[in-house]
Amino acid sequence: MLPTTSVNSQSHGNGALNSRDAARHTAGAKRYKYLRRLFHFRQMDFDFAIWQMLYLFTSPQKVYRNFHYRKQTKDQWARDDPAFLVLLSIWLCVSTIGFGFVLDMGFFHTLKLLLWVVFIDCVGVGLLIATLMWFISNKYLVKHQSRDSDVEWGYAFDVHLNAFYPLLVILHFIQLFFIHYIIHADSFMGYFVGNTVWLIAIGYYIYVTFLGYSALPFLKNTVILLYPFALLILLYVLSLALGWNFTKTLCTFYKLRVK
């Protein structure tokens, strides 16, 4: 006789399996796995994180295609590897130290600036923006409310990190080479170059954020995330007309922070 399995036992087995799978994919379980890997550098894929950082400048769409692949293979949109966050933190530290050097800050002032930039500008503002975008996308942009059409908070935070990295490189690294020689000059060329750098950096942040949410197939009307471009361009034109140098304002703000 061939071995048989009763319907009840099979459904019970599938039920147990589904329960284990559901528990494994809860938000708490994902968060625990992510934080646990944060302390195991050998488990992080830094090569892939570097690849993502490069493609966020050249072809950010390819980065979000990988998020699709992760959803298909691991049933989650958000990153499960903190390597990108670790490398971003290193970039943040190095670029902020460079900023402190350019502004002629001492060791302790630079350290204080570093703490401000890491915990307030990156983490604090990032948590606020991610939470706001998570709420807006789930409340107003989801096509049909269901269990499978839910924007993960971790994904919203990943989108912020993806958009923040190019902005960081442009404002905290590339801009440093022009601050003393061009941007700080009391001339039209000074605030034109400085404000144009800000326009590119913030515009790219908006664009990468738009790509992140438009990559989710269950969201609608994501084009509205590009609307801030209109306000950004208006502010840019007004700043040139009024002679307002964004970079000078930032440098003054940074110096006031560390006093």
Protein backbone atom coordinates (compact mmCIF):
# COMPACT_ATOMS: atom_id res chain seq x y z
CA MET A 1 0.00 0.00 0.00
CA LEU A 2 1.14 3.54 -0.75
CA PRO A 3 1.53 5.82 2.28
CA THR A 4 -1.31 8.28 2.66
CA THR A 5 -1.74 11.49 4.60
CA SER A 6 -5.05 12.53 6.02
CA VAL A 7 -6.48 15.91 5.10
CA ASN A 8 -6.64 16.95 8.73
CA SER A 9 -3.02 16.16 9.42
CA GLN A 10 -1.93 17.91 6.20
CA SER A 11 -3.86 21.04 6.97
CA HIS A 12 -2.50 20.95 10.51
CA GLY A 13 1.02 20.66 9.17
CA ASN A 14 0.50 23.53 6.76
CA GLY A 15 -1.04 25.57 9.53
CA ALA A 16 1.98 25.03 11.74
CA LEU A 17 4.29 25.92 8.88
CA ASN A 18 2.33 29.05 8.10
CA SER A 19 2.42 30.07 11.74
CA ARG A 20 6.19 29.68 11.86
CA ASP A 21 6.58 31.61 8.60
CA ALA A 22 4.33 34.39 9.88
CA ALA A 23 6.31 34.63 13.12
CA ARG A 24 9.57 34.67 11.19
CA HIS A 25 8.39 37.60 9.04
CA THR A 26 6.94 39.84 11.75
CA ALA A 27 8.32 43.35 12.07
CA GLY A 28 9.88 42.49 15.42
CA ALA A 29 11.66 39.43 14.02
CA LYS A 30 13.00 41.41 11.05
CA ARG A 31 14.22 44.19 13.34
CA TYR A 32 15.93 41.72 15.67
CA LYS A 33 17.68 40.00 12.75
CA TYR A 34 18.82 43.35 11.33
CA LEU A 35 20.19 44.62 14.66
CA ARG A 36 21.89 41.31 15.37
CA ARG A 37 23.76 41.46 12.06
CA LEU A 38 24.84 45.00 12.91
CA PHE A 39 27.37 43.53 15.35
CA HIS A 40 28.65 40.81 13.01
CA PHE A 41 30.74 42.48 10.31
CA ARG A 42 31.64 39.18 8.67
CA GLN A 43 27.96 38.61 7.87
CA MET A 44 27.65 41.92 6.03
CA ASP A 45 28.01 42.19 2.26
CA PHE A 46 30.07 45.38 1.92
CA ASP A 47 30.84 44.74 -1.75
CA PHE A 48 27.15 44.83 -2.57
CA ALA A 49 26.63 47.94 -0.40
CA ILE A 50 29.41 49.72 -2.32
CA TRP A 51 27.75 48.66 -5.58
CA GLN A 52 24.50 50.24 -4.40
CA MET A 53 26.27 53.48 -3.46
CA LEU A 54 27.84 53.74 -6.90
CA TYR A 55 24.59 53.00 -8.73
CA LEU A 56 22.65 55.53 -6.64
CA PHE A 57 24.59 58.10 -8.66
CA THR A 58 24.67 56.43 -12.06
CA SER A 59 21.44 54.38 -12.22
CA PRO A 60 19.31 54.42 -9.03
CA GLN A 61 16.59 52.38 -10.78
CA LYS A 62 18.90 49.34 -10.66
CA VAL A 63 19.16 49.68 -6.89
CA TYR A 64 15.39 49.50 -6.52
CA ARG A 65 15.21 46.52 -8.86
CA ASN A 66 17.26 44.69 -6.26
CA PHE A 67 14.59 45.56 -3.67
CA HIS A 68 12.10 43.77 -5.93
CA TYR A 69 14.36 40.73 -5.96
CA ARG A 70 14.60 40.78 -2.15
CA LYS A 71 10.81 40.85 -1.90
CA GLN A 72 10.57 37.78 -4.14
CA THR A 73 13.26 35.80 -2.32
CA LYS A 74 12.98 36.97 1.29
CA ASP A 75 9.43 38.31 1.43
CA GLN A 76 10.43 41.80 2.54
CA TRP A 77 11.12 45.08 0.79
CA ALA A 78 13.48 46.54 3.39
CA ARG A 79 17.17 45.70 3.61
CA ASP A 80 18.10 42.82 5.88
CA ASP A 81 21.82 43.65 5.71
CA PRO A 82 23.05 46.74 7.63
CA ALA A 83 26.24 47.06 5.52
CA PHE A 84 24.84 50.08 3.64
CA LEU A 85 24.04 51.84 6.93
CA VAL A 86 27.53 51.13 8.28
CA LEU A 87 29.23 52.52 5.16
CA LEU A 88 26.93 55.54 5.18
CA SER A 89 27.89 56.20 8.81
CA ILE A 90 31.57 56.07 7.88
CA TRP A 91 30.98 58.49 5.00
CA LEU A 92 29.08 60.78 7.37
CA CYS A 93 31.91 60.81 9.90
CA VAL A 94 34.66 61.42 7.33
CA SER A 95 32.79 64.16 5.47
CA THR A 96 31.80 65.95 8.69
CA ILE A 97 35.41 65.89 9.89
CA GLY A 98 36.34 67.40 6.52
CA PHE A 99 33.69 70.07 7.01
CA GLY A 100 35.10 70.86 10.46
CA PHE A 101 38.59 71.16 8.96
CA VAL A 102 37.43 73.53 6.20
CA LEU A 103 35.63 75.69 8.78
CA ASP A 104 38.77 75.79 10.97
CA MET A 105 37.06 74.11 13.93
CA GLY A 106 39.04 72.62 16.77
CA PHE A 107 38.97 68.96 17.77
CA PHE A 108 36.16 69.22 20.33
CA HIS A 109 34.03 71.50 18.16
CA THR A 110 34.41 69.07 15.24
CA LEU A 111 33.47 66.18 17.53
CA LYS A 112 30.40 68.08 18.71
CA LEU A 113 29.46 68.85 15.11
CA LEU A 114 29.87 65.17 14.24
CA LEU A 115 27.47 64.14 17.02
CA TRP A 116 24.95 66.72 15.84
CA VAL A 117 25.14 65.61 12.21
CA VAL A 118 24.95 61.88 13.00
CA PHE A 119 22.23 61.82 15.66
CA ILE A 120 20.13 64.83 14.66
CA ASP A 121 20.58 65.46 10.92
CA CYS A 122 20.87 61.83 9.82
CA VAL A 123 19.16 59.63 12.42
CA GLY A 124 16.65 62.06 13.96
CA VAL A 125 15.53 63.75 10.75
CA GLY A 126 15.69 60.38 8.96
CA LEU A 127 13.34 58.76 11.47
CA LEU A 128 10.95 61.70 11.18
CA ILE A 129 10.93 61.70 7.36
CA ALA A 130 10.66 57.90 7.14
CA THR A 131 7.74 57.85 9.58
CA LEU A 132 5.98 60.68 7.75
CA MET A 133 6.43 59.03 4.34
CA TRP A 134 5.40 55.64 5.75
CA PHE A 135 2.18 57.16 7.08
CA ILE A 136 1.38 59.16 3.92
CA SER A 137 2.09 56.28 1.53
CA ASN A 138 0.01 53.78 3.50
CA LYS A 139 -2.80 56.26 4.12
CA TYR A 140 -3.15 57.92 0.72
CA LEU A 141 -1.09 56.15 -1.96
CA VAL A 142 -2.03 52.46 -1.59
CA LYS A 143 -4.27 51.27 -4.43
CA HIS A 144 -6.16 48.61 -2.47
CA GLN A 145 -5.80 48.11 1.25
CA SER A 146 -4.66 44.57 2.01
CA ARG A 147 -2.06 42.68 3.99
CA ASP A 148 0.28 42.40 0.99
CA SER A 149 -0.02 46.07 0.00
CA ASP A 150 1.61 47.66 2.99
CA VAL A 151 4.66 49.92 2.89
CA GLU A 152 7.14 48.63 5.46
CA TRP A 153 8.55 51.26 7.79
CA GLY A 154 11.99 49.76 7.25
CA TYR A 155 11.60 50.28 3.50
CA ALA A 156 10.62 53.92 4.05
CA PHE A 157 13.80 54.36 6.10
CA ASP A 158 15.85 52.64 3.38
CA VAL A 159 14.43 55.02 0.77
CA HIS A 160 15.51 57.94 2.95
CA LEU A 161 19.03 56.50 3.31
CA ASN A 162 19.24 55.93 -0.45
CA ALA A 163 18.26 59.56 -1.10
CA PHE A 164 20.39 60.95 1.74
CA TYR A 165 23.64 59.38 0.57
CA PRO A 166 23.99 61.37 -2.73
CA LEU A 167 22.92 64.53 -0.89
CA LEU A 168 25.62 63.88 1.71
CA VAL A 169 28.33 63.36 -0.89
CA ILE A 170 27.35 66.50 -2.83
CA LEU A 171 26.96 68.86 0.14
CA HIS A 172 29.50 67.43 2.59
CA PHE A 173 32.22 66.32 0.20
CA ILE A 174 32.14 67.79 -3.32
CA GLN A 175 31.10 71.22 -2.07
CA LEU A 176 34.09 71.39 0.30
CA PHE A 177 36.48 71.92 -2.62
CA PHE A 178 34.65 75.13 -3.65
CA ILE A 179 33.74 76.74 -0.32
CA HIS A 180 36.77 78.98 0.26
CA TYR A 181 37.62 79.78 -3.37
CA ILE A 182 34.19 80.32 -4.96
CA ILE A 183 31.15 79.84 -2.74
CA HIS A 184 32.23 82.15 0.11
CA ALA A 185 33.14 84.93 -2.31
CA ASP A 186 30.90 87.99 -1.95
CA SER A 187 29.77 87.89 -5.53
CA PHE A 188 26.96 86.60 -7.72
CA MET A 189 29.16 83.73 -8.85
CA GLY A 190 29.66 82.67 -5.21
CA TYR A 191 26.03 82.23 -4.28
CA PHE A 192 25.13 81.06 -7.79
CA VAL A 193 27.55 78.10 -7.55
CA GLY A 194 26.68 77.40 -3.91
CA ASN A 195 22.93 77.51 -4.39
CA THR A 196 23.15 75.46 -7.58
CA VAL A 197 24.96 72.75 -5.63
CA TRP A 198 22.08 72.79 -3.13
CA LEU A 199 19.54 72.64 -5.97
CA ILE A 200 21.24 69.55 -7.40
CA ALA A 201 21.58 67.84 -4.01
CA ILE A 202 18.01 68.39 -2.78
CA GLY A 203 16.58 67.77 -6.26
CA TYR A 204 18.37 64.44 -6.41
CA TYR A 205 17.04 63.58 -2.94
CA ILE A 206 13.49 64.20 -4.18
CA TYR A 207 14.09 62.17 -7.34
CA VAL A 208 15.57 59.11 -5.56
CA THR A 209 12.72 59.25 -3.03
CA PHE A 210 10.21 59.28 -5.89
CA LEU A 211 11.92 56.27 -7.51
CA GLY A 212 11.76 54.38 -4.21
CA TYR A 213 8.00 54.68 -3.82
CA SER A 214 7.17 54.38 -7.52
CA ALA A 215 9.01 51.03 -7.46
CA LEU A 216 6.26 49.59 -5.23
CA PRO A 217 3.62 48.10 -7.56
CA PHE A 218 0.75 48.59 -5.09
CA LEU A 219 1.12 52.38 -4.82
CA LYS A 220 -0.67 54.93 -6.98
CA ASN A 221 -0.15 58.61 -7.82
CA THR A 222 3.48 58.54 -6.70
CA VAL A 223 4.17 61.37 -9.15
CA ILE A 224 2.96 63.77 -6.45
CA LEU A 225 6.27 63.10 -4.70
CA LEU A 226 7.89 65.16 -7.47
CA TYR A 227 5.75 68.24 -6.72
CA PRO A 228 8.29 69.67 -4.21
CA PHE A 229 10.49 70.33 -7.26
CA ALA A 230 8.31 73.36 -8.04
CA LEU A 231 8.87 74.83 -4.57
CA LEU A 232 12.58 74.01 -4.75
CA ILE A 233 13.05 75.84 -8.07
CA LEU A 234 11.02 78.82 -6.81
CA LEU A 235 13.19 79.03 -3.69
CA TYR A 236 16.33 78.74 -5.84
CA VAL A 237 15.27 81.64 -8.09
CA LEU A 238 14.33 83.79 -5.09
CA SER A 239 17.68 83.08 -3.42
CA LEU A 240 19.55 84.27 -6.50
CA ALA A 241 17.40 87.39 -6.73
CA LEU A 242 17.93 88.21 -3.04
CA GLY A 243 21.61 87.22 -2.93
CA TRP A 244 21.01 84.59 -0.24
CA ASN A 245 23.92 82.15 -0.02
CA PHE A 246 22.65 78.80 1.32
CA THR A 247 26.14 77.46 2.03
CA LYS A 248 27.13 80.51 4.07
CA THR A 249 23.95 80.09 6.09
CA LEU A 250 24.77 76.41 6.67
CA CYS A 251 28.33 77.20 7.79
CA THR A 252 27.07 79.89 10.18
CA PHE A 253 24.49 77.44 11.55
CA TYR A 254 27.15 74.75 12.06
CA LYS A 255 29.38 77.18 13.96
CA LEU A 256 26.50 78.28 16.19
CA ARG A 257 25.70 74.64 16.93
CA VAL A 258 29.08 73.88 18.45
CA LYS A 259 29.43 76.98 20.61
